[in-house]
PDB file of N, CA and C in Angstrom:
ATOM      1  N   MET A   1      87.858 106.995 101.685  1.00  0.00           N
ATOM      2  CA  MET A   1      88.072 107.211 103.092  1.00  0.00           C
ATOM      3  C   MET A   1      89.545 106.955 103.452  1.00  0.00           C
ATOM      4  N   ASN A   2      90.250 108.002 103.836  1.00  0.00           N
ATOM      5  CA  ASN A   2      91.654 107.858 104.109  1.00  0.00           C
ATOM      6  C   ASN A   2      92.014 107.876 105.550  1.00  0.00           C
ATOM      7  N   LEU A   3      91.119 107.422 106.430  1.00  0.00           N
ATOM      8  CA  LEU A   3      91.440 107.387 107.842  1.00  0.00           C
ATOM      9  C   LEU A   3      92.412 106.247 108.108  1.00  0.00           C
ATOM     10  N   PRO A   4      93.474 106.508 108.853  1.00  0.00           N
ATOM     11  CA  PRO A   4      94.501 105.465 109.054  1.00  0.00           C
ATOM     12  C   PRO A   4      93.988 104.184 109.674  1.00  0.00           C
ATOM     13  N   HIS A   5      93.067 104.270 110.620  1.00  0.00           N
ATOM     14  CA  HIS A   5      92.528 103.094 111.239  1.00  0.00           C
ATOM     15  C   HIS A   5      91.781 102.209 110.239  1.00  0.00           C
ATOM     16  N   VAL A   6      90.995 102.863 109.388  1.00  0.00           N
ATOM     17  CA  VAL A   6      90.232 102.153 108.390  1.00  0.00           C
ATOM     18  C   VAL A   6      91.173 101.519 107.332  1.00  0.00           C
ATOM     19  N   LYS A   7      92.175 102.252 106.900  1.00  0.00           N
ATOM     20  CA  LYS A   7      93.147 101.699 105.929  1.00  0.00           C
ATOM     21  C   LYS A   7      93.898 100.512 106.513  1.00  0.00           C
ATOM     22  N   LEU A   8      94.258 100.572 107.797  1.00  0.00           N
ATOM     23  CA  LEU A   8      94.883  99.430 108.446  1.00  0.00           C
ATOM     24  C   LEU A   8      93.944  98.218 108.506  1.00  0.00           C
ATOM     25  N   SER A   9      92.659  98.497 108.759  1.00  0.00           N
ATOM     26  CA  SER A   9      91.691  97.372 108.796  1.00  0.00           C
ATOM     27  C   SER A   9      91.529  96.760 107.404  1.00  0.00           C
ATOM     28  N   GLN A  10      91.608  97.599 106.383  1.00  0.00           N
ATOM     29  CA  GLN A  10      91.537  97.055 105.001  1.00  0.00           C
ATOM     30  C   GLN A  10      92.790  96.241 104.646  1.00  0.00           C
ATOM     31  N   LEU A  11      93.905  96.702 105.060  1.00  0.00           N
ATOM     32  CA  LEU A  11      95.174  95.963 104.818  1.00  0.00           C
ATOM     33  C   LEU A  11      95.073  94.643 105.570  1.00  0.00           C
ATOM     34  N   ALA A  12      94.642  94.625 106.814  1.00  0.00           N
ATOM     35  CA  ALA A  12      94.482  93.399 107.551  1.00  0.00           C
ATOM     36  C   ALA A  12      93.528  92.415 106.843  1.00  0.00           C
ATOM     37  N   ALA A  13      92.410  92.963 106.326  1.00  0.00           N
ATOM     38  CA  ALA A  13      91.468  92.115 105.621  1.00  0.00           C
ATOM     39  C   ALA A  13      92.091  91.555 104.367  1.00  0.00           C
ATOM     40  N   LEU A  14      92.876  92.355 103.637  1.00  0.00           N
ATOM     41  CA  LEU A  14      93.560  91.858 102.473  1.00  0.00           C
ATOM     42  C   LEU A  14      94.504  90.684 102.808  1.00  0.00           C
ATOM     43  N   ILE A  15      95.287  90.850 103.851  1.00  0.00           N
ATOM     44  CA  ILE A  15      96.208  89.780 104.250  1.00  0.00           C
ATOM     45  C   ILE A  15      95.442  88.541 104.713  1.00  0.00           C
ATOM     46  N   HIS A  16      94.291  88.766 105.366  1.00  0.00           N
ATOM     47  CA  HIS A  16      93.461  87.655 105.850  1.00  0.00           C
ATOM     48  C   HIS A  16      92.821  86.889 104.678  1.00  0.00           C
ATOM     49  N   TYR A  17      92.180  87.639 103.758  1.00  0.00           N
ATOM     50  CA  TYR A  17      91.399  87.001 102.687  1.00  0.00           C
ATOM     51  C   TYR A  17      92.252  86.561 101.499  1.00  0.00           C
ATOM     52  N   VAL A  18      93.409  87.227 101.281  1.00  0.00           N
ATOM     53  CA  VAL A  18      94.221  86.927 100.131  1.00  0.00           C
ATOM     54  C   VAL A  18      95.702  86.891 100.551  1.00  0.00           C
ATOM     55  N   PRO A  19      96.101  85.869 101.364  1.00  0.00           N
ATOM     56  CA  PRO A  19      97.442  85.844 101.887  1.00  0.00           C
ATOM     57  C   PRO A  19      98.515  85.670 100.788  1.00  0.00           C
ATOM     58  N   TYR A  20      98.143  85.204  99.640  1.00  0.00           N
ATOM     59  CA  TYR A  20      99.061  84.938  98.540  1.00  0.00           C
ATOM     60  C   TYR A  20      99.016  86.044  97.529  1.00  0.00           C
ATOM     61  N   PHE A  21      98.554  87.256  97.880  1.00  0.00           N
ATOM     62  CA  PHE A  21      98.346  88.338  96.966  1.00  0.00           C
ATOM     63  C   PHE A  21      99.571  88.646  96.131  1.00  0.00           C
ATOM     64  N   ILE A  22     100.735  88.812  96.744  1.00  0.00           N
ATOM     65  CA  ILE A  22     101.960  89.236  96.017  1.00  0.00           C
ATOM     66  C   ILE A  22     102.348  88.165  95.016  1.00  0.00           C
ATOM     67  N   SER A  23     102.396  86.920  95.411  1.00  0.00           N
ATOM     68  CA  SER A  23     102.776  85.866  94.420  1.00  0.00           C
ATOM     69  C   SER A  23     101.739  85.790  93.332  1.00  0.00           C
ATOM     70  N   TYR A  24     100.486  86.024  93.599  1.00  0.00           N
ATOM     71  CA  TYR A  24      99.437  86.004  92.612  1.00  0.00           C
ATOM     72  C   TYR A  24      99.617  87.124  91.602  1.00  0.00           C
ATOM     73  N   ILE A  25      99.903  88.344  92.073  1.00  0.00           N
ATOM     74  CA  ILE A  25     100.039  89.517  91.242  1.00  0.00           C
ATOM     75  C   ILE A  25     101.234  89.284  90.260  1.00  0.00           C
ATOM     76  N   LEU A  26     102.309  88.664  90.749  1.00  0.00           N
ATOM     77  CA  LEU A  26     103.498  88.441  89.898  1.00  0.00           C
ATOM     78  C   LEU A  26     103.264  87.474  88.754  1.00  0.00           C
ATOM     79  N   GLN A  27     102.114  86.769  88.818  1.00  0.00           N
ATOM     80  CA  GLN A  27     101.755  85.870  87.714  1.00  0.00           C
ATOM     81  C   GLN A  27     101.030  86.602  86.557  1.00  0.00           C
ATOM     82  N   LEU A  28     100.841  87.920  86.769  1.00  0.00           N
ATOM     83  CA  LEU A  28     100.136  88.804  85.819  1.00  0.00           C
ATOM     84  C   LEU A  28      98.759  88.335  85.390  1.00  0.00           C
ATOM     85  N   PRO A  29      97.897  88.093  86.352  1.00  0.00           N
ATOM     86  CA  PRO A  29      96.523  87.706  85.984  1.00  0.00           C
ATOM     87  C   PRO A  29      95.774  88.905  85.381  1.00  0.00           C
ATOM     88  N   PRO A  30      94.656  88.689  84.729  1.00  0.00           N
ATOM     89  CA  PRO A  30      93.874  89.790  84.171  1.00  0.00           C
ATOM     90  C   PRO A  30      93.408  90.742  85.284  1.00  0.00           C
ATOM     91  N   THR A  31      93.283  92.000  84.942  1.00  0.00           N
ATOM     92  CA  THR A  31      92.918  93.029  85.926  1.00  0.00           C
ATOM     93  C   THR A  31      91.568  92.685  86.610  1.00  0.00           C
ATOM     94  N   ASP A  32      90.645  92.133  85.857  1.00  0.00           N
ATOM     95  CA  ASP A  32      89.340  91.816  86.484  1.00  0.00           C
ATOM     96  C   ASP A  32      89.519  90.831  87.614  1.00  0.00           C
ATOM     97  N   GLU A  33      90.409  89.831  87.454  1.00  0.00           N
ATOM     98  CA  GLU A  33      90.634  88.920  88.524  1.00  0.00           C
ATOM     99  C   GLU A  33      91.221  89.574  89.765  1.00  0.00           C
ATOM    100  N   ILE A  34      92.132  90.476  89.542  1.00  0.00           N
ATOM    101  CA  ILE A  34      92.760  91.209  90.680  1.00  0.00           C
ATOM    102  C   ILE A  34      91.686  92.039  91.394  1.00  0.00           C
ATOM    103  N   LYS A  35      90.878  92.724  90.579  1.00  0.00           N
ATOM    104  CA  LYS A  35      89.811  93.580  91.164  1.00  0.00           C
ATOM    105  C   LYS A  35      88.838  92.727  91.967  1.00  0.00           C
ATOM    106  N   ASN A  36      88.562  91.512  91.507  1.00  0.00           N
ATOM    107  CA  ASN A  36      87.665  90.611  92.256  1.00  0.00           C
ATOM    108  C   ASN A  36      88.295  90.213  93.589  1.00  0.00           C
ATOM    109  N   LEU A  37      89.598  89.984  93.619  1.00  0.00           N
ATOM    110  CA  LEU A  37      90.288  89.711  94.852  1.00  0.00           C
ATOM    111  C   LEU A  37      90.213  90.858  95.895  1.00  0.00           C
ATOM    112  N   LEU A  38      90.116  92.077  95.364  1.00  0.00           N
ATOM    113  CA  LEU A  38      90.080  93.220  96.202  1.00  0.00           C
ATOM    114  C   LEU A  38      88.664  93.669  96.578  1.00  0.00           C
ATOM    115  N   SER A  39      87.712  92.814  96.351  1.00  0.00           N
ATOM    116  CA  SER A  39      86.301  93.170  96.677  1.00  0.00           C
ATOM    117  C   SER A  39      85.847  92.583  98.006  1.00  0.00           C
ATOM    118  N   PHE A  40      86.761  92.410  98.933  1.00  0.00           N
ATOM    119  CA  PHE A  40      86.435  91.831 100.227  1.00  0.00           C
ATOM    120  C   PHE A  40      85.887  92.919 101.137  1.00  0.00           C
ATOM    121  N   GLU A  41      85.365  92.514 102.299  1.00  0.00           N
ATOM    122  CA  GLU A  41      84.830  93.449 103.279  1.00  0.00           C
ATOM    123  C   GLU A  41      85.729  93.361 104.539  1.00  0.00           C
ATOM    124  N   THR A  42      85.777  94.458 105.277  1.00  0.00           N
ATOM    125  CA  THR A  42      86.444  94.442 106.574  1.00  0.00           C
ATOM    126  C   THR A  42      85.583  93.708 107.583  1.00  0.00           C
ATOM    127  N   SER A  43      86.098  93.476 108.746  1.00  0.00           N
ATOM    128  CA  SER A  43      85.347  92.763 109.784  1.00  0.00           C
ATOM    129  C   SER A  43      84.144  93.613 110.243  1.00  0.00           C
ATOM    130  N   LYS A  44      83.172  92.968 110.884  1.00  0.00           N
ATOM    131  CA  LYS A  44      81.969  93.637 111.352  1.00  0.00           C
ATOM    132  C   LYS A  44      82.312  94.830 112.300  1.00  0.00           C
ATOM    133  N   TYR A  45      83.375  94.678 113.078  1.00  0.00           N
ATOM    134  CA  TYR A  45      83.778  95.740 113.994  1.00  0.00           C
ATOM    135  C   TYR A  45      83.879  97.067 113.264  1.00  0.00           C
ATOM    136  N   TRP A  46      84.469  97.060 112.068  1.00  0.00           N
ATOM    137  CA  TRP A  46      84.759  98.312 111.368  1.00  0.00           C
ATOM    138  C   TRP A  46      83.534  98.903 110.694  1.00  0.00           C
ATOM    139  N   GLU A  47      82.413  98.115 110.694  1.00  0.00           N
ATOM    140  CA  GLU A  47      81.172  98.705 110.168  1.00  0.00           C
ATOM    141  C   GLU A  47      80.626  99.766 111.116  1.00  0.00           C
ATOM    142  N   THR A  48      81.027  99.688 112.416  1.00  0.00           N
ATOM    143  CA  THR A  48      80.563 100.679 113.363  1.00  0.00           C
ATOM    144  C   THR A  48      81.688 101.495 114.032  1.00  0.00           C
ATOM    145  N   HIS A  49      82.859 101.495 113.345  1.00  0.00           N
ATOM    146  CA  HIS A  49      84.010 102.272 113.868  1.00  0.00           C
ATOM    147  C   HIS A  49      84.811 102.910 112.778  1.00  0.00           C
ATOM    148  N   TYR A  50      85.319 104.083 113.088  1.00  0.00           N
ATOM    149  CA  TYR A  50      86.325 104.728 112.217  1.00  0.00           C
ATOM    150  C   TYR A  50      87.678 104.739 112.934  1.00  0.00           C
ATOM    151  N   SER A  51      87.668 104.459 114.230  1.00  0.00           N
ATOM    152  CA  SER A  51      88.880 104.364 115.013  1.00  0.00           C
ATOM    153  C   SER A  51      88.601 103.401 116.168  1.00  0.00           C
ATOM    154  N   PHE A  52      89.626 103.149 116.948  1.00  0.00           N
ATOM    155  CA  PHE A  52      89.446 102.232 118.081  1.00  0.00           C
ATOM    156  C   PHE A  52      88.711 102.874 119.266  1.00  0.00           C
ATOM    157  N   LYS A  53      88.610 104.175 119.228  1.00  0.00           N
ATOM    158  CA  LYS A  53      88.132 104.887 120.436  1.00  0.00           C
ATOM    159  C   LYS A  53      86.627 104.816 120.703  1.00  0.00           C
ATOM    160  N   ARG A  54      85.845 104.973 119.630  1.00  0.00           N
ATOM    161  CA  ARG A  54      84.393 105.025 119.863  1.00  0.00           C
ATOM    162  C   ARG A  54      83.628 104.530 118.621  1.00  0.00           C
ATOM    163  N   GLU A  55      82.395 104.188 118.884  1.00  0.00           N
ATOM    164  CA  GLU A  55      81.514 103.684 117.822  1.00  0.00           C
ATOM    165  C   GLU A  55      81.042 104.835 116.973  1.00  0.00           C
ATOM    166  N   SER A  56      80.660 104.507 115.721  1.00  0.00           N
ATOM    167  CA  SER A  56      80.133 105.455 114.781  1.00  0.00           C
ATOM    168  C   SER A  56      78.876 104.876 114.151  1.00  0.00           C
ATOM    169  N   THR A  57      78.292 105.592 113.224  1.00  0.00           N
ATOM    170  CA  THR A  57      77.135 105.085 112.527  1.00  0.00           C
ATOM    171  C   THR A  57      77.538 103.900 111.693  1.00  0.00           C
ATOM    172  N   ASN A  58      76.609 102.999 111.507  1.00  0.00           N
ATOM    173  CA  ASN A  58      76.873 101.743 110.781  1.00  0.00           C
ATOM    174  C   ASN A  58      77.095 102.017 109.299  1.00  0.00           C
ATOM    175  N   LYS A  59      78.302 101.641 108.789  1.00  0.00           N
ATOM    176  CA  LYS A  59      78.647 101.841 107.388  1.00  0.00           C
ATOM    177  C   LYS A  59      79.719 100.858 107.031  1.00  0.00           C
ATOM    178  N   LYS A  60      79.549 100.142 105.938  1.00  0.00           N
ATOM    179  CA  LYS A  60      80.559  99.206 105.455  1.00  0.00           C
ATOM    180  C   LYS A  60      81.807 100.003 104.952  1.00  0.00           C
ATOM    181  N   LYS A  61      82.976  99.439 105.184  1.00  0.00           N
ATOM    182  CA  LYS A  61      84.222 100.142 104.777  1.00  0.00           C
ATOM    183  C   LYS A  61      84.931  99.368 103.710  1.00  0.00           C
ATOM    184  N   ASN A  62      84.242  99.099 102.592  1.00  0.00           N
ATOM    185  CA  ASN A  62      84.846  98.400 101.472  1.00  0.00           C
ATOM    186  C   ASN A  62      85.866  99.248 100.769  1.00  0.00           C
ATOM    187  N   ILE A  63      86.705  98.633 100.037  1.00  0.00           N
ATOM    188  CA  ILE A  63      87.634  99.368  99.176  1.00  0.00           C
ATOM    189  C   ILE A  63      86.899  99.854  97.924  1.00  0.00           C
ATOM    190  N   SER A  64      86.955 101.129  97.639  1.00  0.00           N
ATOM    191  CA  SER A  64      86.231 101.669  96.487  1.00  0.00           C
ATOM    192  C   SER A  64      86.914 101.330  95.146  1.00  0.00           C
ATOM    193  N   LYS A  65      86.171 101.427  94.069  1.00  0.00           N
ATOM    194  CA  LYS A  65      86.733 101.211  92.755  1.00  0.00           C
ATOM    195  C   LYS A  65      87.830 102.219  92.450  1.00  0.00           C
ATOM    196  N   GLU A  66      87.625 103.409  92.874  1.00  0.00           N
ATOM    197  CA  GLU A  66      88.643 104.474  92.671  1.00  0.00           C
ATOM    198  C   GLU A  66      89.897 104.160  93.387  1.00  0.00           C
ATOM    199  N   PHE A  67      89.784 103.611  94.606  1.00  0.00           N
ATOM    200  CA  PHE A  67      91.000 103.263  95.339  1.00  0.00           C
ATOM    201  C   PHE A  67      91.738 102.091  94.677  1.00  0.00           C
ATOM    202  N   VAL A  68      90.979 101.123  94.157  1.00  0.00           N
ATOM    203  CA  VAL A  68      91.583 100.016  93.462  1.00  0.00           C
ATOM    204  C   VAL A  68      92.348 100.527  92.238  1.00  0.00           C
ATOM    205  N   ASN A  69      91.763 101.424  91.489  1.00  0.00           N
ATOM    206  CA  ASN A  69      92.480 101.978  90.332  1.00  0.00           C
ATOM    207  C   ASN A  69      93.723 102.781  90.805  1.00  0.00           C
ATOM    208  N   HIS A  70      93.604 103.488  91.886  1.00  0.00           N
ATOM    209  CA  HIS A  70      94.751 104.205  92.458  1.00  0.00           C
ATOM    210  C   HIS A  70      95.840 103.251  92.888  1.00  0.00           C
ATOM    211  N   LEU A  71      95.425 102.108  93.458  1.00  0.00           N
ATOM    212  CA  LEU A  71      96.400 101.061  93.876  1.00  0.00           C
ATOM    213  C   LEU A  71      97.120 100.470  92.677  1.00  0.00           C
ATOM    214  N   PHE A  72      96.391 100.222  91.577  1.00  0.00           N
ATOM    215  CA  PHE A  72      97.023  99.776  90.360  1.00  0.00           C
ATOM    216  C   PHE A  72      98.103 100.763  89.866  1.00  0.00           C
ATOM    217  N   LEU A  73      97.670 101.993  89.806  1.00  0.00           N
ATOM    218  CA  LEU A  73      98.530 103.026  89.216  1.00  0.00           C
ATOM    219  C   LEU A  73      99.748 103.308  90.058  1.00  0.00           C
ATOM    220  N   ASN A  74      99.620 103.369  91.365  1.00  0.00           N
ATOM    221  CA  ASN A  74     100.699 103.776  92.200  1.00  0.00           C
ATOM    222  C   ASN A  74     101.454 102.707  92.952  1.00  0.00           C
ATOM    223  N   ALA A  75     100.946 101.470  92.911  1.00  0.00           N
ATOM    224  CA  ALA A  75     101.616 100.399  93.668  1.00  0.00           C
ATOM    225  C   ALA A  75     101.820  99.161  92.818  1.00  0.00           C
ATOM    226  N   LEU A  76     100.743  98.594  92.301  1.00  0.00           N
ATOM    227  CA  LEU A  76     100.867  97.303  91.633  1.00  0.00           C
ATOM    228  C   LEU A  76     101.698  97.342  90.343  1.00  0.00           C
ATOM    229  N   VAL A  77     101.416  98.311  89.454  1.00  0.00           N
ATOM    230  CA  VAL A  77     102.146  98.389  88.205  1.00  0.00           C
ATOM    231  C   VAL A  77     103.621  98.663  88.457  1.00  0.00           C
ATOM    232  N   PRO A  78     103.968  99.668  89.291  1.00  0.00           N
ATOM    233  CA  PRO A  78     105.397  99.881  89.545  1.00  0.00           C
ATOM    234  C   PRO A  78     106.082  98.658  90.210  1.00  0.00           C
ATOM    235  N   PHE A  79     105.415  98.041  91.131  1.00  0.00           N
ATOM    236  CA  PHE A  79     105.989  96.868  91.838  1.00  0.00           C
ATOM    237  C   PHE A  79     106.242  95.735  90.832  1.00  0.00           C
ATOM    238  N   VAL A  80     105.245  95.367  90.044  1.00  0.00           N
ATOM    239  CA  VAL A  80     105.415  94.267  89.111  1.00  0.00           C
ATOM    240  C   VAL A  80     106.434  94.592  88.030  1.00  0.00           C
ATOM    241  N   PHE A  81     106.452  95.816  87.557  1.00  0.00           N
ATOM    242  CA  PHE A  81     107.395  96.224  86.525  1.00  0.00           C
ATOM    243  C   PHE A  81     108.816  96.140  87.080  1.00  0.00           C
ATOM    244  N   PHE A  82     109.071  96.667  88.284  1.00  0.00           N
ATOM    245  CA  PHE A  82     110.343  96.652  88.883  1.00  0.00           C
ATOM    246  C   PHE A  82     110.797  95.193  89.154  1.00  0.00           C
ATOM    247  N   TYR A  83     109.882  94.370  89.665  1.00  0.00           N
ATOM    248  CA  TYR A  83     110.195  92.921  89.929  1.00  0.00           C
ATOM    249  C   TYR A  83     110.621  92.226  88.651  1.00  0.00           C
ATOM    250  N   GLN A  84     109.867  92.424  87.551  1.00  0.00           N
ATOM    251  CA  GLN A  84     110.200  91.794  86.306  1.00  0.00           C
ATOM    252  C   GLN A  84     111.548  92.298  85.761  1.00  0.00           C
ATOM    253  N   LYS A  85     111.792  93.554  85.919  1.00  0.00           N
ATOM    254  CA  LYS A  85     113.042  94.126  85.479  1.00  0.00           C
ATOM    255  C   LYS A  85     114.215  93.570  86.248  1.00  0.00           C
ATOM    256  N   MET A  86     114.067  93.433  87.567  1.00  0.00           N
ATOM    257  CA  MET A  86     115.118  92.921  88.396  1.00  0.00           C
ATOM    258  C   MET A  86     115.425  91.409  88.119  1.00  0.00           C
ATOM    259  N   LYS A  87     114.397  90.700  87.705  1.00  0.00           N
ATOM    260  CA  LYS A  87     114.543  89.266  87.399  1.00  0.00           C
ATOM    261  C   LYS A  87     114.887  89.032  85.956  1.00  0.00           C
ATOM    262  N   ASN A  88     115.104  90.128  85.196  1.00  0.00           N
ATOM    263  CA  ASN A  88     115.461  90.062  83.772  1.00  0.00           C
ATOM    264  C   ASN A  88     114.428  89.326  82.960  1.00  0.00           C
ATOM    265  N   HIS A  89     113.150  89.491  83.342  1.00  0.00           N
ATOM    266  CA  HIS A  89     112.078  88.904  82.521  1.00  0.00           C
ATOM    267  C   HIS A  89     111.940  89.691  81.226  1.00  0.00           C
ATOM    268  N   GLU A  90     111.679  88.995  80.135  1.00  0.00           N
ATOM    269  CA  GLU A  90     111.486  89.679  78.841  1.00  0.00           C
ATOM    270  C   GLU A  90     110.120  90.353  78.825  1.00  0.00           C
ATOM    271  N   ASN A  91     109.237  89.956  79.688  1.00  0.00           N
ATOM    272  CA  ASN A  91     107.845  90.392  79.694  1.00  0.00           C
ATOM    273  C   ASN A  91     107.625  91.599  80.598  1.00  0.00           C
ATOM    274  N   GLN A  92     108.563  92.534  80.634  1.00  0.00           N
ATOM    275  CA  GLN A  92     108.427  93.684  81.537  1.00  0.00           C
ATOM    276  C   GLN A  92     107.257  94.605  81.167  1.00  0.00           C
ATOM    277  N   ASP A  93     106.927  94.670  79.902  1.00  0.00           N
ATOM    278  CA  ASP A  93     105.857  95.548  79.491  1.00  0.00           C
ATOM    279  C   ASP A  93     104.482  94.961  79.833  1.00  0.00           C
ATOM    280  N   ALA A  94     104.411  93.743  80.249  1.00  0.00           N
ATOM    281  CA  ALA A  94     103.104  93.169  80.625  1.00  0.00           C
ATOM    282  C   ALA A  94     102.492  93.952  81.796  1.00  0.00           C
ATOM    283  N   ALA A  95     103.304  94.390  82.746  1.00  0.00           N
ATOM    284  CA  ALA A  95     102.817  95.169  83.845  1.00  0.00           C
ATOM    285  C   ALA A  95     102.245  96.472  83.392  1.00  0.00           C
ATOM    286  N   LEU A  96     102.833  97.062  82.365  1.00  0.00           N
ATOM    287  CA  LEU A  96     102.327  98.323  81.855  1.00  0.00           C
ATOM    288  C   LEU A  96     100.966  98.184  81.189  1.00  0.00           C
ATOM    289  N   SER A  97     100.651  96.999  80.707  1.00  0.00           N
ATOM    290  CA  SER A  97      99.373  96.786  80.085  1.00  0.00           C
ATOM    291  C   SER A  97      98.201  96.971  81.062  1.00  0.00           C
ATOM    292  N   TYR A  98      98.518  96.807  82.356  1.00  0.00           N
ATOM    293  CA  TYR A  98      97.500  97.079  83.367  1.00  0.00           C
ATOM    294  C   TYR A  98      97.006  98.524  83.283  1.00  0.00           C
ATOM    295  N   LEU A  99      97.883  99.418  82.932  1.00  0.00           N
ATOM    296  CA  LEU A  99      97.516 100.835  82.832  1.00  0.00           C
ATOM    297  C   LEU A  99      96.439 101.078  81.810  1.00  0.00           C
ATOM    298  N   GLU A 100      96.394 100.265  80.768  1.00  0.00           N
ATOM    299  CA  GLU A 100      95.384 100.411  79.750  1.00  0.00           C
ATOM    300  C   GLU A 100      93.984  99.943  80.222  1.00  0.00           C
ATOM    301  N   SER A 101      93.930  99.198  81.302  1.00  0.00           N
ATOM    302  CA  SER A 101      92.689  98.657  81.777  1.00  0.00           C
ATOM    303  C   SER A 101      92.053  99.461  82.892  1.00  0.00           C
ATOM    304  N   ILE A 102      92.664 100.601  83.300  1.00  0.00           N
ATOM    305  CA  ILE A 102      92.078 101.442  84.347  1.00  0.00           C
ATOM    306  C   ILE A 102      91.881 102.823  83.762  1.00  0.00           C
ATOM    307  N   PRO A 103      90.836 103.509  84.216  1.00  0.00           N
ATOM    308  CA  PRO A 103      90.605 104.843  83.717  1.00  0.00           C
ATOM    309  C   PRO A 103      91.683 105.811  84.193  1.00  0.00           C
ATOM    310  N   ALA A 104      91.819 106.924  83.436  1.00  0.00           N
ATOM    311  CA  ALA A 104      92.789 107.947  83.782  1.00  0.00           C
ATOM    312  C   ALA A 104      92.380 108.573  85.126  1.00  0.00           C
ATOM    313  N   GLU A 105      93.376 108.974  85.877  1.00  0.00           N
ATOM    314  CA  GLU A 105      93.096 109.679  87.135  1.00  0.00           C
ATOM    315  C   GLU A 105      92.437 110.997  86.851  1.00  0.00           C
ATOM    316  N   SER A 106      91.557 111.377  87.739  1.00  0.00           N
ATOM    317  CA  SER A 106      90.935 112.694  87.637  1.00  0.00           C
ATOM    318  C   SER A 106      91.125 113.427  88.967  1.00  0.00           C
ATOM    319  N   ASN A 107      92.010 114.391  88.939  1.00  0.00           N
ATOM    320  CA  ASN A 107      92.271 115.220  90.120  1.00  0.00           C
ATOM    321  C   ASN A 107      92.694 116.595  89.657  1.00  0.00           C
ATOM    322  N   SER A 108      92.918 117.495  90.615  1.00  0.00           N
ATOM    323  CA  SER A 108      93.279 118.880  90.256  1.00  0.00           C
ATOM    324  C   SER A 108      94.575 118.977  89.486  1.00  0.00           C
ATOM    325  N   ILE A 109      95.533 118.168  89.776  1.00  0.00           N
ATOM    326  CA  ILE A 109      96.850 118.241  89.085  1.00  0.00           C
ATOM    327  C   ILE A 109      96.681 117.743  87.646  1.00  0.00           C
ATOM    328  N   MET A 110      95.961 116.624  87.441  1.00  0.00           N
ATOM    329  CA  MET A 110      95.783 116.090  86.117  1.00  0.00           C
ATOM    330  C   MET A 110      94.854 116.992  85.285  1.00  0.00           C
ATOM    331  N   ASN A 111      93.923 117.655  85.929  1.00  0.00           N
ATOM    332  CA  ASN A 111      93.036 118.555  85.187  1.00  0.00           C
ATOM    333  C   ASN A 111      93.716 119.772  84.701  1.00  0.00           C
ATOM    334  N   LYS A 112      94.791 120.213  85.320  1.00  0.00           N
ATOM    335  CA  LYS A 112      95.531 121.388  84.885  1.00  0.00           C
ATOM    336  C   LYS A 112      96.335 121.013  83.648  1.00  0.00           C
TER     337      LYS A 112
END
């Protein structure tokens, strides 16, 4: 679900439930631990809303496993790799090991 209001609510929930997320990620914990951190729920309000304007049918707006994998691929791995490189850490490739723990993307571009 890529609706902006829902994504903002998920970001707010992340900041609320895991305020130390960035510093935790930089410690290179196992991917399962990170995925567990990302298994939170948005507030009850968002169970009945897709936007601020009106109510919708009741549905939880959790972060999907596919989105977590997408987050690893496009945000976490590049961020941690760049941070380690800028700090001259010898362990730069540790961030790349996260890529081995997530399935390959499946979309029209990759399928071609």
